[in-house]
PDB file of N, CA and C in Angstrom:
ATOM      1  N   MET A   1     -18.567  53.883  22.191  1.00  0.00           N
ATOM      2  CA  MET A   1     -18.234  54.276  21.185  1.00  0.00           C
ATOM      3  C   MET A   1     -18.623  53.590  19.943  1.00  0.00           C
ATOM      4  N   ASN A   2     -19.854  54.776  19.303  1.00  0.00           N
ATOM      5  CA  ASN A   2     -20.730  54.826  18.165  1.00  0.00           C
ATOM      6  C   ASN A   2     -20.181  53.668  17.030  1.00  0.00           C
ATOM      7  N   THR A   3     -20.641  52.502  16.874  1.00  0.00           N
ATOM      8  CA  THR A   3     -20.315  52.500  15.524  1.00  0.00           C
ATOM      9  C   THR A   3     -21.545  52.334  14.733  1.00  0.00           C
ATOM     10  N   THR A   4     -21.766  52.736  13.672  1.00  0.00           N
ATOM     11  CA  THR A   4     -22.718  52.902  12.633  1.00  0.00           C
ATOM     12  C   THR A   4     -22.292  51.374  11.299  1.00  0.00           C
ATOM     13  N   ILE A   5     -23.703  51.026  11.481  1.00  0.00           N
ATOM     14  CA  ILE A   5     -23.171  49.821  10.136  1.00  0.00           C
ATOM     15  C   ILE A   5     -24.335  50.367   8.702  1.00  0.00           C
ATOM     16  N   LEU A   6     -23.281  50.564   8.078  1.00  0.00           N
ATOM     17  CA  LEU A   6     -24.175  50.346   6.904  1.00  0.00           C
ATOM     18  C   LEU A   6     -24.715  49.593   5.500  1.00  0.00           C
ATOM     19  N   LYS A   7     -26.120  49.727   5.819  1.00  0.00           N
ATOM     20  CA  LYS A   7     -26.385  48.795   5.071  1.00  0.00           C
ATOM     21  C   LYS A   7     -26.327  49.234   3.181  1.00  0.00           C
ATOM     22  N   ILE A   8     -25.790  48.239   2.262  1.00  0.00           N
ATOM     23  CA  ILE A   8     -25.271  47.959   1.106  1.00  0.00           C
ATOM     24  C   ILE A   8     -26.480  47.527   0.436  1.00  0.00           C
ATOM     25  N   PRO A   9     -26.804  48.233  -0.525  1.00  0.00           N
ATOM     26  CA  PRO A   9     -27.543  47.250  -1.482  1.00  0.00           C
ATOM     27  C   PRO A   9     -27.281  46.389  -1.799  1.00  0.00           C
ATOM     28  N   GLU A  10     -28.412  45.076  -2.162  1.00  0.00           N
ATOM     29  CA  GLU A  10     -27.728  43.798  -2.250  1.00  0.00           C
ATOM     30  C   GLU A  10     -27.051  43.924  -3.941  1.00  0.00           C
ATOM     31  N   GLU A  11     -27.757  44.982  -4.892  1.00  0.00           N
ATOM     32  CA  GLU A  11     -26.898  44.768  -5.893  1.00  0.00           C
ATOM     33  C   GLU A  11     -25.361  44.600  -6.475  1.00  0.00           C
ATOM     34  N   ILE A  12     -25.546  46.191  -5.452  1.00  0.00           N
ATOM     35  CA  ILE A  12     -23.712  46.576  -4.843  1.00  0.00           C
ATOM     36  C   ILE A  12     -22.911  45.476  -4.837  1.00  0.00           C
ATOM     37  N   VAL A  13     -23.593  44.485  -4.034  1.00  0.00           N
ATOM     38  CA  VAL A  13     -22.715  43.402  -2.949  1.00  0.00           C
ATOM     39  C   VAL A  13     -22.816  42.136  -3.760  1.00  0.00           C
ATOM     40  N   GLU A  14     -23.276  42.280  -5.165  1.00  0.00           N
ATOM     41  CA  GLU A  14     -22.961  41.315  -5.801  1.00  0.00           C
ATOM     42  C   GLU A  14     -22.487  41.616  -7.566  1.00  0.00           C
ATOM     43  N   TYR A  15     -21.566  42.904  -7.833  1.00  0.00           N
ATOM     44  CA  TYR A  15     -21.215  43.527  -7.995  1.00  0.00           C
ATOM     45  C   TYR A  15     -19.573  42.835  -7.618  1.00  0.00           C
ATOM     46  N   ILE A  16     -20.152  43.473  -6.695  1.00  0.00           N
ATOM     47  CA  ILE A  16     -17.891  43.178  -5.448  1.00  0.00           C
ATOM     48  C   ILE A  16     -18.217  41.838  -5.952  1.00  0.00           C
ATOM     49  N   ILE A  17     -19.054  40.998  -5.122  1.00  0.00           N
ATOM     50  CA  ILE A  17     -18.908  39.517  -4.869  1.00  0.00           C
ATOM     51  C   ILE A  17     -18.209  39.075  -6.839  1.00  0.00           C
ATOM     52  N   SER A  18     -18.711  39.649  -7.803  1.00  0.00           N
ATOM     53  CA  SER A  18     -18.087  39.127  -9.775  1.00  0.00           C
ATOM     54  C   SER A  18     -16.624  39.573  -9.811  1.00  0.00           C
ATOM     55  N   PHE A  19     -16.583  40.375  -9.070  1.00  0.00           N
ATOM     56  CA  PHE A  19     -14.818  40.282  -9.245  1.00  0.00           C
ATOM     57  C   PHE A  19     -14.195  39.520  -8.661  1.00  0.00           C
ATOM     58  N   THR A  20     -14.503  38.351  -7.895  1.00  0.00           N
ATOM     59  CA  THR A  20     -13.570  37.328  -7.170  1.00  0.00           C
ATOM     60  C   THR A  20     -13.878  36.046  -7.762  1.00  0.00           C
ATOM     61  N   CYS A  21     -15.473  36.184  -8.329  1.00  0.00           N
ATOM     62  CA  CYS A  21     -16.142  34.468  -8.698  1.00  0.00           C
ATOM     63  C   CYS A  21     -16.100  34.759  -9.815  1.00  0.00           C
ATOM     64  N   ASP A  22     -16.080  34.065 -10.636  1.00  0.00           N
ATOM     65  CA  ASP A  22     -16.726  33.840 -12.427  1.00  0.00           C
ATOM     66  C   ASP A  22     -17.688  32.600 -11.930  1.00  0.00           C
ATOM     67  N   ARG A  23     -18.717  32.851 -13.313  1.00  0.00           N
ATOM     68  CA  ARG A  23     -19.800  32.207 -13.982  1.00  0.00           C
ATOM     69  C   ARG A  23     -20.177  31.298 -13.399  1.00  0.00           C
ATOM     70  N   ARG A  24     -19.202  30.222 -12.817  1.00  0.00           N
ATOM     71  CA  ARG A  24     -18.558  28.896 -13.060  1.00  0.00           C
ATOM     72  C   ARG A  24     -18.628  28.525 -10.906  1.00  0.00           C
ATOM     73  N   GLY A  25     -18.629  29.985 -10.674  1.00  0.00           N
ATOM     74  CA  GLY A  25     -18.712  29.994  -8.670  1.00  0.00           C
ATOM     75  C   GLY A  25     -17.316  29.438  -8.412  1.00  0.00           C
ATOM     76  N   TYR A  26     -16.368  29.472  -8.965  1.00  0.00           N
ATOM     77  CA  TYR A  26     -14.758  29.628  -8.540  1.00  0.00           C
ATOM     78  C   TYR A  26     -14.496  30.797  -8.515  1.00  0.00           C
ATOM     79  N   ASN A  27     -13.359  31.236  -7.254  1.00  0.00           N
ATOM     80  CA  ASN A  27     -12.880  32.349  -7.146  1.00  0.00           C
ATOM     81  C   ASN A  27     -11.186  32.222  -7.727  1.00  0.00           C
ATOM     82  N   MET A  28     -11.185  33.673  -7.183  1.00  0.00           N
ATOM     83  CA  MET A  28      -9.209  33.214  -8.476  1.00  0.00           C
ATOM     84  C   MET A  28      -8.879  32.641  -7.482  1.00  0.00           C
ATOM     85  N   ALA A  29      -8.520  32.673  -6.312  1.00  0.00           N
ATOM     86  CA  ALA A  29      -7.787  31.774  -5.761  1.00  0.00           C
ATOM     87  C   ALA A  29      -7.814  30.409  -6.081  1.00  0.00           C
ATOM     88  N   HIS A  30      -9.122  29.588  -6.383  1.00  0.00           N
ATOM     89  CA  HIS A  30      -9.270  28.443  -6.938  1.00  0.00           C
ATOM     90  C   HIS A  30      -8.766  28.008  -8.382  1.00  0.00           C
ATOM     91  N   TYR A  31      -9.391  29.503  -9.358  1.00  0.00           N
ATOM     92  CA  TYR A  31      -9.164  29.236 -10.588  1.00  0.00           C
ATOM     93  C   TYR A  31      -7.471  28.857 -10.950  1.00  0.00           C
ATOM     94  N   ASN A  32      -6.563  30.433  -9.926  1.00  0.00           N
ATOM     95  CA  ASN A  32      -5.674  30.646 -10.353  1.00  0.00           C
ATOM     96  C   ASN A  32      -4.463  28.775  -9.936  1.00  0.00           C
ATOM     97  N   GLN A  33      -4.918  28.119  -8.778  1.00  0.00           N
ATOM     98  CA  GLN A  33      -4.375  26.811  -8.366  1.00  0.00           C
ATOM     99  C   GLN A  33      -5.024  25.792  -9.471  1.00  0.00           C
ATOM    100  N   ARG A  34      -5.793  25.849 -10.301  1.00  0.00           N
ATOM    101  CA  ARG A  34      -6.357  25.196 -10.510  1.00  0.00           C
ATOM    102  C   ARG A  34      -5.048  24.921 -12.387  1.00  0.00           C
ATOM    103  N   LYS A  35      -5.219  26.563 -12.631  1.00  0.00           N
ATOM    104  CA  LYS A  35      -4.116  26.842 -13.619  1.00  0.00           C
ATOM    105  C   LYS A  35      -2.655  26.352 -13.453  1.00  0.00           C
ATOM    106  N   ARG A  36      -2.036  26.497 -12.291  1.00  0.00           N
ATOM    107  CA  ARG A  36      -0.689  26.082 -11.963  1.00  0.00           C
ATOM    108  C   ARG A  36      -0.893  24.891 -12.329  1.00  0.00           C
ATOM    109  N   LEU A  37      -1.604  23.645 -11.478  1.00  0.00           N
ATOM    110  CA  LEU A  37      -1.739  22.158 -11.653  1.00  0.00           C
ATOM    111  C   LEU A  37      -1.951  21.822 -12.879  1.00  0.00           C
ATOM    112  N   ASP A  38      -2.548  22.662 -13.965  1.00  0.00           N
ATOM    113  CA  ASP A  38      -2.719  21.923 -14.732  1.00  0.00           C
ATOM    114  C   ASP A  38      -1.649  22.694 -16.076  1.00  0.00           C
ATOM    115  N   LYS A  39      -0.372  23.417 -15.633  1.00  0.00           N
ATOM    116  CA  LYS A  39       0.064  23.474 -16.887  1.00  0.00           C
ATOM    117  C   LYS A  39       1.145  22.833 -17.325  1.00  0.00           C
ATOM    118  N   ASP A  40       1.318  21.706 -16.671  1.00  0.00           N
ATOM    119  CA  ASP A  40       1.854  20.647 -17.781  1.00  0.00           C
ATOM    120  C   ASP A  40       1.436  20.442 -19.057  1.00  0.00           C
ATOM    121  N   ARG A  41       0.437  19.755 -17.941  1.00  0.00           N
ATOM    122  CA  ARG A  41      -0.944  19.505 -18.983  1.00  0.00           C
ATOM    123  C   ARG A  41      -1.287  19.988 -20.696  1.00  0.00           C
ATOM    124  N   MET A  42      -0.622  21.137 -19.786  1.00  0.00           N
ATOM    125  CA  MET A  42      -1.069  22.064 -21.427  1.00  0.00           C
ATOM    126  C   MET A  42      -0.006  22.845 -22.464  1.00  0.00           C
ATOM    127  N   TYR A  43       1.324  22.749 -21.629  1.00  0.00           N
ATOM    128  CA  TYR A  43       2.061  22.534 -22.313  1.00  0.00           C
ATOM    129  C   TYR A  43       1.758  21.191 -23.807  1.00  0.00           C
ATOM    130  N   ARG A  44       1.933  20.355 -22.854  1.00  0.00           N
ATOM    131  CA  ARG A  44       2.186  19.414 -23.610  1.00  0.00           C
ATOM    132  C   ARG A  44       0.783  19.158 -24.621  1.00  0.00           C
ATOM    133  N   ILE A  45      -0.445  19.557 -24.614  1.00  0.00           N
ATOM    134  CA  ILE A  45      -1.283  19.665 -25.348  1.00  0.00           C
ATOM    135  C   ILE A  45      -0.775  20.721 -26.506  1.00  0.00           C
ATOM    136  N   ILE A  46      -0.695  22.199 -26.224  1.00  0.00           N
ATOM    137  CA  ILE A  46       0.229  23.309 -27.248  1.00  0.00           C
ATOM    138  C   ILE A  46       1.299  22.713 -27.697  1.00  0.00           C
ATOM    139  N   THR A  47       2.002  21.667 -27.243  1.00  0.00           N
ATOM    140  CA  THR A  47       3.485  21.278 -27.677  1.00  0.00           C
ATOM    141  C   THR A  47       2.712  20.027 -29.479  1.00  0.00           C
ATOM    142  N   GLU A  48       1.721  19.325 -28.732  1.00  0.00           N
ATOM    143  CA  GLU A  48       1.030  18.569 -29.867  1.00  0.00           C
ATOM    144  C   GLU A  48       0.542  19.089 -31.013  1.00  0.00           C
ATOM    145  N   ILE A  49       0.107  20.506 -30.531  1.00  0.00           N
ATOM    146  CA  ILE A  49      -0.970  21.308 -31.900  1.00  0.00           C
ATOM    147  C   ILE A  49       0.349  22.235 -32.626  1.00  0.00           C
ATOM    148  N   LYS A  50       1.275  22.192 -31.870  1.00  0.00           N
ATOM    149  CA  LYS A  50       2.308  23.306 -33.064  1.00  0.00           C
ATOM    150  C   LYS A  50       2.897  22.214 -33.977  1.00  0.00           C
ATOM    151  N   HIS A  51       3.347  20.838 -32.870  1.00  0.00           N
ATOM    152  CA  HIS A  51       3.962  20.165 -33.693  1.00  0.00           C
ATOM    153  C   HIS A  51       2.964  18.981 -35.096  1.00  0.00           C
ATOM    154  N   PHE A  52       1.397  19.308 -34.632  1.00  0.00           N
ATOM    155  CA  PHE A  52       0.786  19.388 -35.816  1.00  0.00           C
ATOM    156  C   PHE A  52       0.283  20.034 -36.808  1.00  0.00           C
ATOM    157  N   ASP A  53       0.553  21.236 -37.036  1.00  0.00           N
ATOM    158  CA  ASP A  53       0.698  22.472 -37.518  1.00  0.00           C
ATOM    159  C   ASP A  53       1.720  22.302 -38.619  1.00  0.00           C
ATOM    160  N   SER A  54       3.157  22.218 -38.246  1.00  0.00           N
ATOM    161  CA  SER A  54       4.150  22.030 -38.698  1.00  0.00           C
ATOM    162  C   SER A  54       4.396  20.952 -39.437  1.00  0.00           C
ATOM    163  N   LEU A  55       3.828  19.793 -39.579  1.00  0.00           N
ATOM    164  CA  LEU A  55       3.322  18.899 -40.193  1.00  0.00           C
ATOM    165  C   LEU A  55       2.772  19.231 -41.338  1.00  0.00           C
ATOM    166  N   GLY A  56       1.802  19.696 -41.650  1.00  0.00           N
ATOM    167  CA  GLY A  56       0.741  20.722 -42.281  1.00  0.00           C
ATOM    168  C   GLY A  56       0.105  19.536 -43.010  1.00  0.00           C
ATOM    169  N   TYR A  57      -0.338  18.420 -42.220  1.00  0.00           N
ATOM    170  CA  TYR A  57      -1.407  17.334 -42.542  1.00  0.00           C
ATOM    171  C   TYR A  57      -2.654  18.281 -42.120  1.00  0.00           C
ATOM    172  N   SER A  58      -3.826  17.249 -42.716  1.00  0.00           N
ATOM    173  CA  SER A  58      -5.514  17.631 -42.273  1.00  0.00           C
ATOM    174  C   SER A  58      -5.812  16.629 -41.137  1.00  0.00           C
ATOM    175  N   ILE A  59      -6.933  17.164 -40.697  1.00  0.00           N
ATOM    176  CA  ILE A  59      -7.640  16.265 -39.612  1.00  0.00           C
ATOM    177  C   ILE A  59      -7.858  14.621 -39.637  1.00  0.00           C
ATOM    178  N   SER A  60      -7.920  14.300 -40.991  1.00  0.00           N
ATOM    179  CA  SER A  60      -7.492  12.828 -41.268  1.00  0.00           C
ATOM    180  C   SER A  60      -6.353  12.023 -40.698  1.00  0.00           C
ATOM    181  N   TRP A  61      -5.651  12.371 -40.592  1.00  0.00           N
ATOM    182  CA  TRP A  61      -3.840  12.205 -40.491  1.00  0.00           C
ATOM    183  C   TRP A  61      -3.804  11.937 -38.103  1.00  0.00           C
ATOM    184  N   LEU A  62      -4.754  13.005 -37.886  1.00  0.00           N
ATOM    185  CA  LEU A  62      -5.083  12.233 -36.580  1.00  0.00           C
ATOM    186  C   LEU A  62      -5.763  10.505 -36.318  1.00  0.00           C
ATOM    187  N   LYS A  63      -6.050  10.102 -37.472  1.00  0.00           N
ATOM    188  CA  LYS A  63      -6.580   8.448 -36.687  1.00  0.00           C
ATOM    189  C   LYS A  63      -5.147   7.683 -36.439  1.00  0.00           C
ATOM    190  N   PRO A  64      -5.417   7.289 -35.737  1.00  0.00           N
ATOM    191  CA  PRO A  64      -4.207   6.359 -35.364  1.00  0.00           C
ATOM    192  C   PRO A  64      -3.226   5.553 -36.150  1.00  0.00           C
ATOM    193  N   SER A  65      -2.063   5.360 -36.417  1.00  0.00           N
ATOM    194  CA  SER A  65      -1.582   4.544 -36.906  1.00  0.00           C
ATOM    195  C   SER A  65      -1.974   3.556 -36.413  1.00  0.00           C
ATOM    196  N   PHE A  66      -1.211   2.445 -37.254  1.00  0.00           N
ATOM    197  CA  PHE A  66      -0.912   0.930 -37.098  1.00  0.00           C
ATOM    198  C   PHE A  66      -0.371   0.643 -36.048  1.00  0.00           C
ATOM    199  N   GLU A  67       0.640   1.466 -35.360  1.00  0.00           N
ATOM    200  CA  GLU A  67       1.520   1.417 -34.030  1.00  0.00           C
ATOM    201  C   GLU A  67       0.622   1.383 -33.296  1.00  0.00           C
ATOM    202  N   GLN A  68      -0.010   3.195 -33.103  1.00  0.00           N
ATOM    203  CA  GLN A  68      -0.558   3.300 -32.360  1.00  0.00           C
ATOM    204  C   GLN A  68      -1.739   2.712 -31.530  1.00  0.00           C
ATOM    205  N   GLN A  69      -2.493   1.871 -32.823  1.00  0.00           N
ATOM    206  CA  GLN A  69      -3.778   0.388 -32.119  1.00  0.00           C
ATOM    207  C   GLN A  69      -2.893  -0.486 -31.526  1.00  0.00           C
ATOM    208  N   LEU A  70      -1.593  -0.793 -31.733  1.00  0.00           N
ATOM    209  CA  LEU A  70      -1.218  -1.849 -30.638  1.00  0.00           C
ATOM    210  C   LEU A  70      -1.550  -1.192 -29.341  1.00  0.00           C
ATOM    211  N   ASN A  71      -1.289  -0.008 -29.007  1.00  0.00           N
ATOM    212  CA  ASN A  71      -1.098   0.181 -28.245  1.00  0.00           C
ATOM    213  C   ASN A  71      -2.559   0.459 -27.350  1.00  0.00           C
ATOM    214  N   TYR A  72      -3.562   0.640 -28.266  1.00  0.00           N
ATOM    215  CA  TYR A  72      -5.177   0.490 -27.675  1.00  0.00           C
ATOM    216  C   TYR A  72      -5.259  -0.010 -26.428  1.00  0.00           C
ATOM    217  N   SER A  73      -5.375  -1.466 -26.564  1.00  0.00           N
ATOM    218  CA  SER A  73      -5.679  -2.327 -25.466  1.00  0.00           C
ATOM    219  C   SER A  73      -4.682  -2.000 -24.346  1.00  0.00           C
ATOM    220  N   LEU A  74      -3.864  -1.756 -24.201  1.00  0.00           N
ATOM    221  CA  LEU A  74      -3.067  -1.097 -23.226  1.00  0.00           C
ATOM    222  C   LEU A  74      -3.542   0.005 -22.601  1.00  0.00           C
ATOM    223  N   PHE A  75      -4.167   0.727 -22.814  1.00  0.00           N
ATOM    224  CA  PHE A  75      -5.157   2.134 -21.885  1.00  0.00           C
ATOM    225  C   PHE A  75      -6.552   1.367 -21.775  1.00  0.00           C
ATOM    226  N   ILE A  76      -7.029   0.888 -22.072  1.00  0.00           N
ATOM    227  CA  ILE A  76      -8.274   0.718 -22.059  1.00  0.00           C
ATOM    228  C   ILE A  76      -8.121  -0.624 -20.509  1.00  0.00           C
ATOM    229  N   LYS A  77      -6.802  -0.985 -20.633  1.00  0.00           N
ATOM    230  CA  LYS A  77      -6.544  -2.448 -19.425  1.00  0.00           C
ATOM    231  C   LYS A  77      -6.701  -1.250 -18.317  1.00  0.00           C
ATOM    232  N   SER A  78      -5.594  -0.312 -18.245  1.00  0.00           N
ATOM    233  CA  SER A  78      -5.199   0.847 -17.345  1.00  0.00           C
ATOM    234  C   SER A  78      -6.106   2.003 -17.394  1.00  0.00           C
ATOM    235  N   LEU A  79      -7.716   1.778 -18.048  1.00  0.00           N
ATOM    236  CA  LEU A  79      -9.225   2.465 -17.255  1.00  0.00           C
ATOM    237  C   LEU A  79      -9.351   1.701 -16.309  1.00  0.00           C
ATOM    238  N   LYS A  80      -9.497   0.548 -16.632  1.00  0.00           N
ATOM    239  CA  LYS A  80     -10.460  -0.293 -16.302  1.00  0.00           C
ATOM    240  C   LYS A  80      -9.976  -0.975 -14.511  1.00  0.00           C
ATOM    241  N   LEU A  81      -8.435  -0.648 -14.391  1.00  0.00           N
ATOM    242  CA  LEU A  81      -7.463  -0.226 -13.592  1.00  0.00           C
ATOM    243  C   LEU A  81      -7.369   1.098 -12.755  1.00  0.00           C
ATOM    244  N   GLY A  82      -7.839   1.210 -12.956  1.00  0.00           N
ATOM    245  CA  GLY A  82      -8.627   3.066 -12.326  1.00  0.00           C
ATOM    246  C   GLY A  82      -7.259   4.425 -12.462  1.00  0.00           C
ATOM    247  N   LYS A  83      -5.786   4.120 -13.229  1.00  0.00           N
ATOM    248  CA  LYS A  83      -4.765   4.568 -13.143  1.00  0.00           C
ATOM    249  C   LYS A  83      -4.798   4.871 -15.153  1.00  0.00           C
ATOM    250  N   ALA A  84      -5.611   5.646 -15.130  1.00  0.00           N
ATOM    251  CA  ALA A  84      -5.305   6.460 -16.879  1.00  0.00           C
ATOM    252  C   ALA A  84      -4.090   6.451 -16.838  1.00  0.00           C
ATOM    253  N   ARG A  85      -3.496   6.001 -18.064  1.00  0.00           N
ATOM    254  CA  ARG A  85      -1.911   6.432 -18.548  1.00  0.00           C
ATOM    255  C   ARG A  85      -1.843   6.253 -19.916  1.00  0.00           C
ATOM    256  N   ILE A  86      -1.020   7.538 -20.506  1.00  0.00           N
ATOM    257  CA  ILE A  86      -1.067   8.013 -21.882  1.00  0.00           C
ATOM    258  C   ILE A  86      -0.448   6.565 -22.888  1.00  0.00           C
ATOM    259  N   PHE A  87      -0.391   6.003 -23.098  1.00  0.00           N
ATOM    260  CA  PHE A  87       0.011   4.698 -24.231  1.00  0.00           C
ATOM    261  C   PHE A  87       0.588   5.291 -25.545  1.00  0.00           C
ATOM    262  N   TYR A  88      -0.393   6.751 -25.841  1.00  0.00           N
ATOM    263  CA  TYR A  88      -0.382   7.222 -27.550  1.00  0.00           C
ATOM    264  C   TYR A  88      -1.161   6.520 -28.816  1.00  0.00           C
ATOM    265  N   HIS A  89      -2.418   6.105 -27.909  1.00  0.00           N
ATOM    266  CA  HIS A  89      -2.808   5.039 -28.685  1.00  0.00           C
ATOM    267  C   HIS A  89      -4.035   6.529 -29.821  1.00  0.00           C
ATOM    268  N   THR A  90      -4.362   7.256 -30.092  1.00  0.00           N
ATOM    269  CA  THR A  90      -4.160   8.108 -30.596  1.00  0.00           C
ATOM    270  C   THR A  90      -3.097   9.788 -30.861  1.00  0.00           C
ATOM    271  N   GLY A  91      -3.332  10.940 -32.049  1.00  0.00           N
ATOM    272  CA  GLY A  91      -2.884  12.102 -31.818  1.00  0.00           C
ATOM    273  C   GLY A  91      -1.269  12.003 -32.807  1.00  0.00           C
ATOM    274  N   CYS A  92      -0.770  12.628 -33.031  1.00  0.00           N
ATOM    275  CA  CYS A  92       0.552  12.877 -33.490  1.00  0.00           C
ATOM    276  C   CYS A  92       1.641  11.987 -33.270  1.00  0.00           C
ATOM    277  N   TYR A  93       2.047  11.516 -32.258  1.00  0.00           N
ATOM    278  CA  TYR A  93       3.226  10.669 -31.293  1.00  0.00           C
ATOM    279  C   TYR A  93       3.031   9.480 -31.478  1.00  0.00           C
ATOM    280  N   ASN A  94       4.151   8.898 -31.920  1.00  0.00           N
ATOM    281  CA  ASN A  94       3.933   6.824 -32.012  1.00  0.00           C
ATOM    282  C   ASN A  94       4.043   6.715 -30.208  1.00  0.00           C
ATOM    283  N   GLY A  95       4.211   7.870 -29.198  1.00  0.00           N
ATOM    284  CA  GLY A  95       5.590   7.107 -28.063  1.00  0.00           C
ATOM    285  C   GLY A  95       6.352   8.266 -27.227  1.00  0.00           C
ATOM    286  N   ASP A  96       6.691   7.849 -25.897  1.00  0.00           N
ATOM    287  CA  ASP A  96       7.443   8.789 -25.531  1.00  0.00           C
ATOM    288  C   ASP A  96       8.325   9.493 -25.934  1.00  0.00           C
ATOM    289  N   TRP A  97       9.806   8.335 -26.698  1.00  0.00           N
ATOM    290  CA  TRP A  97      10.708   8.815 -27.240  1.00  0.00           C
ATOM    291  C   TRP A  97      10.042  10.406 -28.410  1.00  0.00           C
ATOM    292  N   HIS A  98       9.147  10.127 -28.692  1.00  0.00           N
ATOM    293  CA  HIS A  98       8.494  10.765 -30.125  1.00  0.00           C
ATOM    294  C   HIS A  98       8.215  11.917 -29.595  1.00  0.00           C
ATOM    295  N   GLU A  99       7.290  11.977 -28.637  1.00  0.00           N
ATOM    296  CA  GLU A  99       6.806  13.112 -28.047  1.00  0.00           C
ATOM    297  C   GLU A  99       8.427  14.186 -27.448  1.00  0.00           C
ATOM    298  N   ASP A 100       9.102  13.102 -26.718  1.00  0.00           N
ATOM    299  CA  ASP A 100      10.447  13.880 -26.211  1.00  0.00           C
ATOM    300  C   ASP A 100      11.556  14.765 -27.774  1.00  0.00           C
ATOM    301  N   ALA A 101      11.384  13.818 -28.761  1.00  0.00           N
ATOM    302  CA  ALA A 101      12.174  14.074 -29.684  1.00  0.00           C
ATOM    303  C   ALA A 101      11.280  15.578 -30.065  1.00  0.00           C
ATOM    304  N   GLU A 102      10.318  15.610 -30.401  1.00  0.00           N
ATOM    305  CA  GLU A 102       9.920  17.331 -30.591  1.00  0.00           C
ATOM    306  C   GLU A 102       9.956  17.838 -29.891  1.00  0.00           C
ATOM    307  N   LYS A 103       8.994  17.738 -28.501  1.00  0.00           N
ATOM    308  CA  LYS A 103       9.716  18.509 -27.772  1.00  0.00           C
ATOM    309  C   LYS A 103      10.576  19.825 -27.860  1.00  0.00           C
ATOM    310  N   LYS A 104      12.253  18.162 -27.824  1.00  0.00           N
ATOM    311  CA  LYS A 104      13.738  18.848 -27.878  1.00  0.00           C
ATOM    312  C   LYS A 104      13.994  19.717 -28.601  1.00  0.00           C
ATOM    313  N   LEU A 105      13.187  19.595 -30.498  1.00  0.00           N
ATOM    314  CA  LEU A 105      13.202  20.110 -31.680  1.00  0.00           C
ATOM    315  C   LEU A 105      12.443  21.518 -31.565  1.00  0.00           C
ATOM    316  N   MET A 106      11.290  21.735 -31.076  1.00  0.00           N
ATOM    317  CA  MET A 106      10.536  22.780 -30.585  1.00  0.00           C
ATOM    318  C   MET A 106      11.092  23.732 -29.859  1.00  0.00           C
ATOM    319  N   GLU A 107      11.467  23.295 -28.641  1.00  0.00           N
ATOM    320  CA  GLU A 107      12.360  24.191 -27.609  1.00  0.00           C
ATOM    321  C   GLU A 107      13.971  24.920 -28.342  1.00  0.00           C
ATOM    322  N   ARG A 108      14.191  23.838 -28.921  1.00  0.00           N
ATOM    323  CA  ARG A 108      15.694  24.405 -30.012  1.00  0.00           C
ATOM    324  C   ARG A 108      15.144  25.121 -31.326  1.00  0.00           C
ATOM    325  N   GLN A 109      13.796  25.026 -31.824  1.00  0.00           N
ATOM    326  CA  GLN A 109      13.414  26.561 -32.679  1.00  0.00           C
ATOM    327  C   GLN A 109      13.001  27.434 -31.888  1.00  0.00           C
ATOM    328  N   GLU A 110      12.422  27.808 -31.262  1.00  0.00           N
ATOM    329  CA  GLU A 110      12.185  28.519 -30.215  1.00  0.00           C
ATOM    330  C   GLU A 110      13.635  29.538 -30.025  1.00  0.00           C
ATOM    331  N   ARG A 111      14.381  28.811 -29.070  1.00  0.00           N
ATOM    332  CA  ARG A 111      15.531  29.832 -28.527  1.00  0.00           C
ATOM    333  C   ARG A 111      15.971  30.120 -29.930  1.00  0.00           C
ATOM    334  N   ARG A 112      16.588  29.337 -31.257  1.00  0.00           N
ATOM    335  CA  ARG A 112      16.617  29.875 -32.517  1.00  0.00           C
ATOM    336  C   ARG A 112      16.104  30.775 -33.126  1.00  0.00           C
ATOM    337  N   LEU A 113      14.674  31.596 -32.923  1.00  0.00           N
ATOM    338  CA  LEU A 113      13.977  32.371 -33.362  1.00  0.00           C
ATOM    339  C   LEU A 113      14.123  33.422 -32.926  1.00  0.00           C
ATOM    340  N   ARG A 114      13.745  33.202 -30.900  1.00  0.00           N
ATOM    341  CA  ARG A 114      14.467  34.066 -30.089  1.00  0.00           C
ATOM    342  C   ARG A 114      15.621  34.991 -30.403  1.00  0.00           C
ATOM    343  N   ALA A 115      16.708  34.170 -30.850  1.00  0.00           N
ATOM    344  CA  ALA A 115      18.459  34.547 -30.861  1.00  0.00           C
ATOM    345  C   ALA A 115      17.928  35.006 -32.210  1.00  0.00           C
ATOM    346  N   ILE A 116      17.473  34.947 -33.023  1.00  0.00           N
ATOM    347  CA  ILE A 116      16.694  35.877 -34.200  1.00  0.00           C
ATOM    348  C   ILE A 116      16.816  37.272 -34.396  1.00  0.00           C
ATOM    349  N   LEU A 117      15.549  37.530 -33.197  1.00  0.00           N
ATOM    350  CA  LEU A 117      15.059  38.234 -33.440  1.00  0.00           C
ATOM    351  C   LEU A 117      15.050  39.507 -32.109  1.00  0.00           C
ATOM    352  N   ASN A 118      16.423  38.468 -31.620  1.00  0.00           N
ATOM    353  CA  ASN A 118      16.681  40.006 -30.185  1.00  0.00           C
ATOM    354  C   ASN A 118      18.213  40.260 -31.093  1.00  0.00           C
ATOM    355  N   ARG A 119      18.475  40.116 -32.931  1.00  0.00           N
ATOM    356  CA  ARG A 119      19.718  41.079 -32.752  1.00  0.00           C
ATOM    357  C   ARG A 119      19.566  42.220 -33.096  1.00  0.00           C
TER     358      ARG A 119
END
């Protein structure tokens, strides 16, 4: 059996590889895996941004409130232990309860909007 091996120019090989890898060196499989792992975190960030936008406040309102400043030492302690936890020492929310309530409100509003638009 006679087989021939084609010599493809290096530029073409690099061009083909560029479809599977981006400039940072990640291939699409790794990128999609990281994207799946970060989905919950990104959803939380997007929800907080939407909540902040709905409040109509300026950036100066992102400074910690007195209640949030009390949680700062808990956050630092969790960092020193090597297990960083969210204690809401900055941002829009005062605690888990506040984030959960806003998330439920946003979901209700989105469902209502979808229902109105689908009529």
